[in-house]
Amino acid sequence: MKHKILVAIDESENAKRAVEFVAKTSLPEHEITLFSVIPDTAAICEMNSPELTPHFLAHQVEFCSMEDKKRELVEQAAQKAKAILQKAGFDEKNIKIKMVNRKKGIARDIINEAHTGYDTVVMGKKGLSGIKEFFLGSVSQKVLHGAEDLSVLLVN
């Protein structure tokens, strides 16, 4: 039986470990989507009002190039992930790369994508500090708790 697996990735080592786990434990005929949510800075970058602090205005170009740099890093990571899967025997036609701009929040965007027909979500577990995770929660924990009717696998 062919499964559809959504692998949430970014440029982190945790995401790479999740891809390696899928490569080792999944059947090559499974359909794999390498899915990334890119932070959307476009709205902030287009702002041009006197209320903006002089510091922000002085560094607006650098700030606004962050989205492009993040997309570039994630694209590189996705190509490396695809290569890992292909080396493990997955056919290129069964590997899809999908990147979207953040809409509702990274975790909610992953959950929304997963509800479009995937059997399993696989992602790396982020190692946040205890206090930060307590107050903000990690993306992986938000997906795990928010995806009530989906199988979610967190990889250490």
N, C-alpha and C. Protein backbone atom coordinates (compact mmCIF):
# COMPACT_ATOMS: atom_id res chain seq x y z
N MET A 1 0.84 -1.19 0.00
CA MET A 1 0.00 0.00 0.00
C MET A 1 0.88 1.25 0.00
N LYS A 2 0.59 2.16 -0.90
CA LYS A 2 1.38 3.38 -1.03
C LYS A 2 0.91 4.41 0.00
N HIS A 3 1.85 4.90 0.79
CA HIS A 3 1.55 5.93 1.79
C HIS A 3 2.05 7.27 1.30
N LYS A 4 1.37 8.32 1.75
CA LYS A 4 1.82 9.68 1.48
C LYS A 4 2.37 10.24 2.78
N ILE A 5 3.64 10.61 2.74
CA ILE A 5 4.33 11.09 3.93
C ILE A 5 4.73 12.54 3.72
N LEU A 6 4.34 13.38 4.66
CA LEU A 6 4.73 14.79 4.65
C LEU A 6 5.91 14.95 5.61
N VAL A 7 7.05 15.38 5.09
CA VAL A 7 8.23 15.60 5.94
C VAL A 7 8.43 17.11 6.03
N ALA A 8 8.19 17.65 7.21
CA ALA A 8 8.36 19.08 7.43
C ALA A 8 9.86 19.35 7.61
N ILE A 9 10.40 20.20 6.73
CA ILE A 9 11.84 20.46 6.78
C ILE A 9 12.15 21.95 6.81
N ASP A 10 13.32 22.22 7.33
CA ASP A 10 13.96 23.53 7.20
C ASP A 10 15.44 23.23 6.99
N GLU A 11 16.30 24.15 7.29
CA GLU A 11 17.72 23.91 7.04
C GLU A 11 18.45 23.33 8.25
N SER A 12 17.72 22.87 9.26
CA SER A 12 18.34 22.40 10.50
C SER A 12 18.80 20.94 10.42
N GLU A 13 19.68 20.58 11.34
CA GLU A 13 20.14 19.20 11.47
C GLU A 13 18.98 18.30 11.90
N ASN A 14 18.06 18.84 12.70
CA ASN A 14 16.90 18.05 13.13
C ASN A 14 16.06 17.62 11.93
N ALA A 15 15.88 18.51 10.98
CA ALA A 15 15.12 18.18 9.77
C ALA A 15 15.85 17.14 8.94
N LYS A 16 17.15 17.26 8.87
CA LYS A 16 17.96 16.28 8.13
C LYS A 16 17.81 14.89 8.76
N ARG A 17 17.83 14.82 10.08
CA ARG A 17 17.64 13.53 10.77
C ARG A 17 16.27 12.95 10.47
N ALA A 18 15.25 13.80 10.35
CA ALA A 18 13.91 13.31 10.02
C ALA A 18 13.90 12.70 8.63
N VAL A 19 14.57 13.34 7.67
CA VAL A 19 14.66 12.82 6.31
C VAL A 19 15.42 11.49 6.31
N GLU A 20 16.52 11.43 7.04
CA GLU A 20 17.30 10.19 7.12
C GLU A 20 16.47 9.06 7.72
N PHE A 21 15.64 9.39 8.72
CA PHE A 21 14.77 8.39 9.33
C PHE A 21 13.77 7.85 8.30
N VAL A 22 13.16 8.74 7.54
CA VAL A 22 12.21 8.33 6.50
C VAL A 22 12.93 7.46 5.46
N ALA A 23 14.14 7.85 5.09
CA ALA A 23 14.91 7.10 4.10
C ALA A 23 15.19 5.67 4.58
N LYS A 24 15.44 5.50 5.87
CA LYS A 24 15.78 4.19 6.43
C LYS A 24 14.56 3.32 6.72
N THR A 25 13.43 3.94 7.04
CA THR A 25 12.30 3.16 7.56
C THR A 25 11.09 3.08 6.62
N SER A 26 11.09 3.83 5.55
CA SER A 26 9.93 3.84 4.65
C SER A 26 10.23 3.05 3.39
N LEU A 27 9.17 2.59 2.76
CA LEU A 27 9.31 1.87 1.50
C LEU A 27 9.54 2.86 0.36
N PRO A 28 10.43 2.52 -0.57
CA PRO A 28 10.73 3.44 -1.67
C PRO A 28 9.53 3.79 -2.54
N GLU A 29 8.47 3.00 -2.50
CA GLU A 29 7.30 3.34 -3.31
C GLU A 29 6.37 4.35 -2.62
N HIS A 30 6.66 4.69 -1.38
CA HIS A 30 5.86 5.72 -0.70
C HIS A 30 6.11 7.07 -1.36
N GLU A 31 5.08 7.91 -1.33
CA GLU A 31 5.19 9.28 -1.86
C GLU A 31 5.64 10.20 -0.73
N ILE A 32 6.72 10.91 -0.96
CA ILE A 32 7.30 11.78 0.06
C ILE A 32 7.19 13.23 -0.43
N THR A 33 6.66 14.08 0.43
CA THR A 33 6.67 15.52 0.16
C THR A 33 7.55 16.19 1.20
N LEU A 34 8.58 16.87 0.74
CA LEU A 34 9.45 17.67 1.60
C LEU A 34 8.82 19.05 1.65
N PHE A 35 8.28 19.41 2.81
CA PHE A 35 7.44 20.60 2.94
C PHE A 35 8.09 21.63 3.86
N SER A 36 8.15 22.87 3.38
CA SER A 36 8.73 23.96 4.17
C SER A 36 7.80 25.16 4.19
N VAL A 37 7.77 25.82 5.33
CA VAL A 37 7.02 27.07 5.48
C VAL A 37 8.05 28.18 5.65
N ILE A 38 8.00 29.16 4.76
CA ILE A 38 8.96 30.26 4.77
C ILE A 38 8.33 31.46 5.46
N PRO A 39 9.01 32.05 6.46
CA PRO A 39 8.47 33.25 7.10
C PRO A 39 8.23 34.34 6.07
N ASP A 40 7.13 35.07 6.21
CA ASP A 40 6.76 36.09 5.24
C ASP A 40 7.08 37.48 5.80
N THR A 41 8.12 38.09 5.25
CA THR A 41 8.50 39.43 5.71
C THR A 41 8.07 40.51 4.73
N ALA A 42 7.40 40.14 3.65
CA ALA A 42 7.06 41.09 2.59
C ALA A 42 6.24 42.27 3.09
N ALA A 43 5.27 42.02 3.95
CA ALA A 43 4.41 43.10 4.44
C ALA A 43 5.22 44.14 5.20
N ILE A 44 6.15 43.69 6.02
CA ILE A 44 6.98 44.62 6.78
C ILE A 44 7.92 45.38 5.85
N CYS A 45 8.44 44.67 4.86
CA CYS A 45 9.41 45.30 3.95
C CYS A 45 8.78 46.39 3.09
N GLU A 46 7.50 46.27 2.82
CA GLU A 46 6.82 47.27 1.99
C GLU A 46 6.38 48.49 2.78
N MET A 47 6.48 48.43 4.10
CA MET A 47 6.07 49.57 4.92
C MET A 47 7.05 50.71 4.72
N ASN A 48 6.49 51.90 4.66
CA ASN A 48 7.33 53.09 4.53
C ASN A 48 6.57 54.25 5.16
N SER A 49 6.67 54.33 6.47
CA SER A 49 5.94 55.38 7.17
C SER A 49 6.86 56.07 8.18
N PRO A 50 6.51 57.29 8.56
CA PRO A 50 7.36 58.04 9.50
C PRO A 50 7.42 57.40 10.88
N GLU A 51 6.46 56.52 11.19
CA GLU A 51 6.45 55.87 12.51
C GLU A 51 7.55 54.83 12.66
N LEU A 52 8.09 54.36 11.53
CA LEU A 52 9.16 53.37 11.62
C LEU A 52 10.39 54.01 12.24
N THR A 53 11.03 53.26 13.09
CA THR A 53 12.21 53.81 13.77
C THR A 53 13.33 54.03 12.77
N PRO A 54 14.13 55.03 13.01
CA PRO A 54 15.28 55.28 12.11
C PRO A 54 16.21 54.06 12.02
N HIS A 55 16.33 53.32 13.13
CA HIS A 55 17.18 52.12 13.11
C HIS A 55 16.65 51.10 12.11
N PHE A 56 15.32 50.87 12.13
CA PHE A 56 14.74 49.90 11.18
C PHE A 56 14.92 50.40 9.76
N LEU A 57 14.65 51.67 9.53
CA LEU A 57 14.79 52.21 8.17
C LEU A 57 16.23 52.08 7.67
N ALA A 58 17.19 52.27 8.56
CA ALA A 58 18.60 52.17 8.17
C ALA A 58 18.98 50.75 7.79
N HIS A 59 18.27 49.76 8.35
CA HIS A 59 18.61 48.35 8.12
C HIS A 59 17.51 47.59 7.38
N GLN A 60 16.58 48.32 6.80
CA GLN A 60 15.43 47.69 6.15
C GLN A 60 15.85 46.75 5.02
N VAL A 61 16.81 47.12 4.23
CA VAL A 61 17.25 46.29 3.11
C VAL A 61 17.80 44.95 3.62
N GLU A 62 18.65 45.01 4.66
CA GLU A 62 19.21 43.77 5.21
C GLU A 62 18.10 42.90 5.80
N PHE A 63 17.19 43.51 6.53
CA PHE A 63 16.09 42.77 7.14
C PHE A 63 15.24 42.09 6.06
N CYS A 64 14.94 42.82 5.04
CA CYS A 64 14.06 42.31 4.00
C CYS A 64 14.72 41.25 3.14
N SER A 65 16.03 41.20 3.13
CA SER A 65 16.71 40.14 2.37
C SER A 65 16.73 38.83 3.15
N MET A 66 16.32 38.86 4.41
CA MET A 66 16.31 37.64 5.23
C MET A 66 15.39 36.58 4.64
N GLU A 67 14.23 36.97 4.14
CA GLU A 67 13.30 35.99 3.56
C GLU A 67 13.94 35.30 2.36
N ASP A 68 14.62 36.08 1.52
CA ASP A 68 15.29 35.50 0.36
C ASP A 68 16.39 34.53 0.79
N LYS A 69 17.15 34.91 1.81
CA LYS A 69 18.23 34.05 2.31
C LYS A 69 17.65 32.78 2.93
N LYS A 70 16.57 32.91 3.69
CA LYS A 70 15.93 31.74 4.30
C LYS A 70 15.43 30.80 3.21
N ARG A 71 14.79 31.34 2.19
CA ARG A 71 14.29 30.51 1.08
C ARG A 71 15.46 29.79 0.40
N GLU A 72 16.57 30.49 0.19
CA GLU A 72 17.75 29.89 -0.44
C GLU A 72 18.29 28.73 0.40
N LEU A 73 18.39 28.94 1.72
CA LEU A 73 18.89 27.89 2.61
C LEU A 73 17.96 26.68 2.62
N VAL A 74 16.66 26.92 2.64
CA VAL A 74 15.68 25.83 2.65
C VAL A 74 15.70 25.09 1.32
N GLU A 75 15.84 25.81 0.21
CA GLU A 75 15.94 25.15 -1.10
C GLU A 75 17.16 24.23 -1.16
N GLN A 76 18.28 24.70 -0.63
CA GLN A 76 19.48 23.87 -0.59
C GLN A 76 19.25 22.63 0.28
N ALA A 77 18.64 22.82 1.43
CA ALA A 77 18.35 21.70 2.34
C ALA A 77 17.39 20.71 1.69
N ALA A 78 16.40 21.21 0.96
CA ALA A 78 15.44 20.33 0.29
C ALA A 78 16.12 19.50 -0.79
N GLN A 79 17.04 20.09 -1.53
CA GLN A 79 17.77 19.34 -2.56
C GLN A 79 18.65 18.27 -1.93
N LYS A 80 19.28 18.58 -0.79
CA LYS A 80 20.08 17.58 -0.07
C LYS A 80 19.18 16.46 0.45
N ALA A 81 18.01 16.82 0.96
CA ALA A 81 17.07 15.82 1.46
C ALA A 81 16.61 14.91 0.33
N LYS A 82 16.32 15.49 -0.81
CA LYS A 82 15.91 14.70 -1.98
C LYS A 82 17.01 13.72 -2.36
N ALA A 83 18.26 14.17 -2.32
CA ALA A 83 19.39 13.31 -2.66
C ALA A 83 19.51 12.15 -1.67
N ILE A 84 19.28 12.41 -0.39
CA ILE A 84 19.31 11.36 0.63
C ILE A 84 18.26 10.30 0.32
N LEU A 85 17.06 10.74 -0.03
CA LEU A 85 15.98 9.81 -0.35
C LEU A 85 16.29 9.01 -1.63
N GLN A 86 16.81 9.68 -2.63
CA GLN A 86 17.14 8.98 -3.87
C GLN A 86 18.26 7.95 -3.65
N LYS A 87 19.23 8.31 -2.84
CA LYS A 87 20.32 7.38 -2.52
C LYS A 87 19.78 6.14 -1.80
N ALA A 88 18.68 6.32 -1.04
CA ALA A 88 18.06 5.21 -0.32
C ALA A 88 17.13 4.39 -1.21
N GLY A 89 17.00 4.78 -2.48
CA GLY A 89 16.21 3.99 -3.41
C GLY A 89 14.86 4.57 -3.80
N PHE A 90 14.54 5.76 -3.32
CA PHE A 90 13.28 6.40 -3.69
C PHE A 90 13.39 6.94 -5.11
N ASP A 91 12.36 6.72 -5.89
CA ASP A 91 12.31 7.22 -7.26
C ASP A 91 12.01 8.72 -7.22
N GLU A 92 12.66 9.46 -8.09
CA GLU A 92 12.48 10.92 -8.14
C GLU A 92 11.01 11.30 -8.30
N LYS A 93 10.24 10.50 -9.03
CA LYS A 93 8.82 10.82 -9.25
C LYS A 93 7.99 10.70 -7.97
N ASN A 94 8.54 10.03 -6.94
CA ASN A 94 7.83 9.89 -5.67
C ASN A 94 8.29 10.91 -4.63
N ILE A 95 9.13 11.84 -5.03
CA ILE A 95 9.64 12.87 -4.11
C ILE A 95 9.23 14.24 -4.64
N LYS A 96 8.51 14.97 -3.81
CA LYS A 96 8.04 16.30 -4.18
C LYS A 96 8.59 17.32 -3.18
N ILE A 97 9.00 18.46 -3.67
CA ILE A 97 9.43 19.56 -2.80
C ILE A 97 8.37 20.65 -2.88
N LYS A 98 7.89 21.07 -1.74
CA LYS A 98 6.87 22.12 -1.71
C LYS A 98 7.23 23.15 -0.64
N MET A 99 7.33 24.41 -1.06
CA MET A 99 7.60 25.51 -0.14
C MET A 99 6.47 26.52 -0.25
N VAL A 100 5.99 26.97 0.89
CA VAL A 100 4.92 27.97 0.91
C VAL A 100 5.31 29.10 1.85
N ASN A 101 4.79 30.27 1.59
CA ASN A 101 4.97 31.38 2.52
C ASN A 101 4.05 31.18 3.72
N ARG A 102 4.52 31.58 4.87
CA ARG A 102 3.75 31.45 6.11
C ARG A 102 2.43 32.20 5.95
N LYS A 103 1.32 31.50 6.32
CA LYS A 103 0.01 32.12 6.25
C LYS A 103 -0.57 32.31 7.65
N LYS A 104 -0.79 31.22 8.37
CA LYS A 104 -1.41 31.28 9.69
C LYS A 104 -0.42 31.07 10.81
N GLY A 105 0.72 30.55 10.51
CA GLY A 105 1.72 30.17 11.49
C GLY A 105 2.36 28.88 11.01
N ILE A 106 3.60 28.67 11.32
CA ILE A 106 4.31 27.52 10.77
C ILE A 106 3.62 26.20 11.14
N ALA A 107 3.31 26.00 12.39
CA ALA A 107 2.67 24.75 12.81
C ALA A 107 1.30 24.59 12.15
N ARG A 108 0.49 25.63 12.16
CA ARG A 108 -0.85 25.54 11.54
C ARG A 108 -0.75 25.31 10.04
N ASP A 109 0.24 25.91 9.39
CA ASP A 109 0.41 25.69 7.95
C ASP A 109 0.82 24.25 7.66
N ILE A 110 1.65 23.66 8.51
CA ILE A 110 2.02 22.25 8.35
C ILE A 110 0.78 21.37 8.54
N ILE A 111 0.00 21.64 9.57
CA ILE A 111 -1.22 20.86 9.83
C ILE A 111 -2.20 20.99 8.66
N ASN A 112 -2.38 22.20 8.16
CA ASN A 112 -3.29 22.41 7.03
C ASN A 112 -2.84 21.62 5.80
N GLU A 113 -1.55 21.63 5.53
CA GLU A 113 -1.02 20.86 4.40
C GLU A 113 -1.23 19.37 4.63
N ALA A 114 -0.99 18.92 5.85
CA ALA A 114 -1.14 17.49 6.16
C ALA A 114 -2.57 17.02 5.94
N HIS A 115 -3.53 17.89 6.16
CA HIS A 115 -4.94 17.54 5.97
C HIS A 115 -5.35 17.45 4.50
N THR A 116 -4.43 17.68 3.58
CA THR A 116 -4.77 17.59 2.16
C THR A 116 -4.55 16.19 1.60
N GLY A 117 -4.39 15.21 2.48
CA GLY A 117 -4.33 13.83 2.00
C GLY A 117 -3.10 13.03 2.40
N TYR A 118 -2.40 13.42 3.42
CA TYR A 118 -1.22 12.68 3.86
C TYR A 118 -1.59 11.68 4.95
N ASP A 119 -0.84 10.58 5.00
CA ASP A 119 -1.06 9.55 6.02
C ASP A 119 -0.27 9.84 7.29
N THR A 120 0.92 10.42 7.12
CA THR A 120 1.83 10.64 8.25
C THR A 120 2.59 11.94 8.07
N VAL A 121 2.84 12.62 9.19
CA VAL A 121 3.71 13.80 9.21
C VAL A 121 4.96 13.40 9.99
N VAL A 122 6.12 13.66 9.41
CA VAL A 122 7.39 13.38 10.07
C VAL A 122 8.15 14.68 10.18
N MET A 123 8.69 14.92 11.35
CA MET A 123 9.49 16.14 11.54
C MET A 123 10.48 15.94 12.67
N GLY A 124 11.53 16.75 12.64
CA GLY A 124 12.53 16.72 13.69
C GLY A 124 12.00 17.41 14.93
N LYS A 125 12.47 16.93 16.07
CA LYS A 125 12.10 17.55 17.34
C LYS A 125 13.14 18.62 17.64
N LYS A 126 12.67 19.84 17.81
CA LYS A 126 13.58 20.95 18.10
C LYS A 126 13.95 20.92 19.57
N GLY A 127 15.17 21.30 19.87
CA GLY A 127 15.63 21.33 21.25
C GLY A 127 15.62 22.74 21.82
N LEU A 128 14.45 23.22 22.17
CA LEU A 128 14.36 24.55 22.77
C LEU A 128 14.65 24.48 24.26
N SER A 129 15.01 25.60 24.84
CA SER A 129 15.20 25.62 26.29
C SER A 129 13.87 25.35 26.97
N GLY A 130 13.94 24.80 28.15
CA GLY A 130 12.72 24.45 28.88
C GLY A 130 11.78 25.62 29.09
N ILE A 131 12.30 26.79 29.45
CA ILE A 131 11.46 27.95 29.70
C ILE A 131 10.83 28.45 28.41
N LYS A 132 11.63 28.55 27.35
CA LYS A 132 11.11 29.03 26.07
C LYS A 132 10.03 28.07 25.56
N GLU A 133 10.28 26.75 25.65
CA GLU A 133 9.30 25.78 25.18
C GLU A 133 8.03 25.84 26.02
N PHE A 134 8.17 26.08 27.33
CA PHE A 134 7.01 26.17 28.20
C PHE A 134 6.10 27.32 27.79
N PHE A 135 6.70 28.48 27.50
CA PHE A 135 5.89 29.65 27.17
C PHE A 135 5.46 29.70 25.71
N LEU A 136 6.32 29.33 24.79
CA LEU A 136 6.03 29.46 23.36
C LEU A 136 5.66 28.15 22.69
N GLY A 137 6.22 27.07 23.19
CA GLY A 137 6.02 25.77 22.55
C GLY A 137 6.84 25.68 21.29
N SER A 138 7.25 24.49 20.96
CA SER A 138 8.01 24.30 19.73
C SER A 138 7.03 24.00 18.60
N VAL A 139 7.48 24.18 17.38
CA VAL A 139 6.63 23.90 16.22
C VAL A 139 6.22 22.42 16.25
N SER A 140 7.19 21.54 16.55
CA SER A 140 6.87 20.11 16.56
C SER A 140 5.81 19.78 17.61
N GLN A 141 5.89 20.39 18.77
CA GLN A 141 4.88 20.13 19.81
C GLN A 141 3.52 20.68 19.40
N LYS A 142 3.50 21.82 18.74
CA LYS A 142 2.23 22.39 18.27
C LYS A 142 1.61 21.50 17.20
N VAL A 143 2.41 20.96 16.30
CA VAL A 143 1.89 20.05 15.29
C VAL A 143 1.38 18.78 15.95
N LEU A 144 2.16 18.23 16.86
CA LEU A 144 1.78 17.00 17.54
C LEU A 144 0.43 17.14 18.25
N HIS A 145 0.22 18.24 18.93
CA HIS A 145 -1.02 18.45 19.68
C HIS A 145 -2.16 18.98 18.82
N GLY A 146 -1.82 19.64 17.72
CA GLY A 146 -2.87 20.22 16.88
C GLY A 146 -3.39 19.31 15.79
N ALA A 147 -2.65 18.27 15.48
CA ALA A 147 -3.04 17.36 14.40
C ALA A 147 -3.76 16.16 15.00
N GLU A 148 -4.97 16.39 15.47
CA GLU A 148 -5.69 15.37 16.23
C GLU A 148 -5.98 14.10 15.43
N ASP A 149 -6.24 14.21 14.16
CA ASP A 149 -6.62 13.04 13.38
C ASP A 149 -5.53 12.61 12.40
N LEU A 150 -4.28 12.97 12.69
CA LEU A 150 -3.15 12.62 11.84
C LEU A 150 -2.10 11.88 12.67
N SER A 151 -1.35 11.01 12.01
CA SER A 151 -0.21 10.38 12.65
C SER A 151 0.98 11.33 12.52
N VAL A 152 1.60 11.65 13.65
CA VAL A 152 2.75 12.55 13.66
C VAL A 152 3.92 11.82 14.30
N LEU A 153 5.04 11.81 13.63
CA LEU A 153 6.24 11.16 14.13
C LEU A 153 7.32 12.20 14.33
N LEU A 154 7.80 12.34 15.57
CA LEU A 154 8.88 13.27 15.88
C LEU A 154 10.17 12.49 15.98
N VAL A 155 11.19 12.97 15.28
CA VAL A 155 12.47 12.29 15.24
C VAL A 155 13.48 13.09 16.06
N ASN A 156 14.15 12.40 16.97
CA ASN A 156 15.20 13.05 17.78
C ASN A 156 16.46 13.21 17.00
